[in-house]
Protein backbone atom coordinates (compact mmCIF):
# COMPACT_ATOMS: atom_id res chain seq x y z
CA UNK A 1 -8.60 19.90 -16.51
CA UNK A 2 -11.73 21.05 -15.09
CA UNK A 3 -13.51 18.15 -15.83
CA UNK A 4 -10.56 16.02 -14.14
CA UNK A 5 -11.95 17.92 -11.03
CA UNK A 6 -15.24 17.76 -11.12
CA UNK A 7 -15.02 13.74 -11.73
CA UNK A 8 -12.58 13.86 -8.25
CA UNK A 9 -15.45 15.66 -6.82
CA UNK A 10 -18.10 13.38 -7.70
CA UNK A 11 -15.52 10.09 -7.14
CA UNK A 12 -15.22 12.03 -3.17
CA UNK A 13 -19.09 12.06 -2.94
CA UNK A 14 -19.82 8.52 -4.08
CA UNK A 15 -16.77 7.44 -1.33
CA UNK A 16 -18.40 9.38 1.41
CA UNK A 17 -21.92 7.88 0.59
CA UNK A 18 -20.52 4.22 0.45
CA UNK A 19 -19.23 3.80 3.44
CA UNK A 20 -18.26 -0.03 3.88
CA UNK A 21 -16.14 0.51 0.01
CA UNK A 22 -14.13 3.67 1.59
CA UNK A 23 -13.20 1.81 4.71
CA UNK A 24 -12.02 -1.73 2.09
CA UNK A 25 -10.35 0.78 -0.01
CA UNK A 26 -8.29 2.46 3.36
CA UNK A 27 -7.23 -1.19 4.47
CA UNK A 28 -6.11 -2.14 1.44
CA UNK A 29 -4.45 0.32 0.73
CA UNK A 30 -3.24 0.46 4.47
CA UNK A 31 -1.69 -3.31 3.87
CA UNK A 32 0.09 -2.84 0.58
CA UNK A 33 1.79 0.70 2.55
CA UNK A 34 2.75 -1.52 5.04
CA UNK A 35 3.52 -5.15 3.08
CA UNK A 36 5.88 -2.51 0.68
CA UNK A 37 7.98 -1.33 3.39
CA UNK A 38 8.17 -4.35 5.08
CA UNK A 39 9.76 -6.16 1.95
CA UNK A 40 12.29 -3.02 1.19
CA UNK A 41 13.13 -2.95 4.85
CA UNK A 42 13.92 -6.96 4.89
CA UNK A 43 15.72 -6.56 1.35
CA UNK A 44 17.91 -3.23 3.03
CA UNK A 45 19.08 -5.11 5.94
CA UNK A 46 19.77 -8.41 3.94
CA UNK A 47 20.64 -7.55 1.09
CA UNK A 48 22.21 -3.57 0.98
CA UNK A 49 23.72 -3.40 4.63
CA UNK A 50 27.23 -4.41 5.33
CA UNK A 51 27.84 -8.32 5.23
CA UNK A 52 29.25 -9.24 9.85
CA UNK A 53 31.49 -11.56 8.01
CA UNK A 54 35.31 -9.35 7.25
CA UNK A 55 35.86 -10.22 3.37
CA UNK A 56 39.05 -10.57 2.43
CA UNK A 57 40.47 -7.06 0.19
CA UNK A 58 41.10 -7.53 -2.96
CA UNK A 59 44.99 -7.09 -2.95
CA UNK A 60 45.12 -9.77 -0.30
CA UNK A 61 43.61 -12.83 -2.63
CA UNK A 62 46.74 -11.85 -5.02
CA UNK A 63 49.30 -11.72 -2.73
CA UNK A 64 51.07 -15.19 -2.85
CA UNK A 65 50.21 -15.22 -6.35
CA UNK A 66 53.05 -15.66 -8.60
CA UNK A 67 54.07 -12.26 -10.45
CA UNK A 68 53.15 -13.37 -15.00
CA UNK A 69 56.05 -11.26 -16.69
């Protein structure tokens, strides 16, 4: 477990030294997060919300059908 923290510290130190890479990494990460939020927001708004068209109740579908005995 100690080697993980040592590697994390080395990686943070390298990110401090290379500002261009760190900036590019943050921009790409932020773009991915925003894109995921937009996609899930659209899917939730289009597919998961109730439809604006009033759908008939399931009992209304069989109101005129003859009863099979």
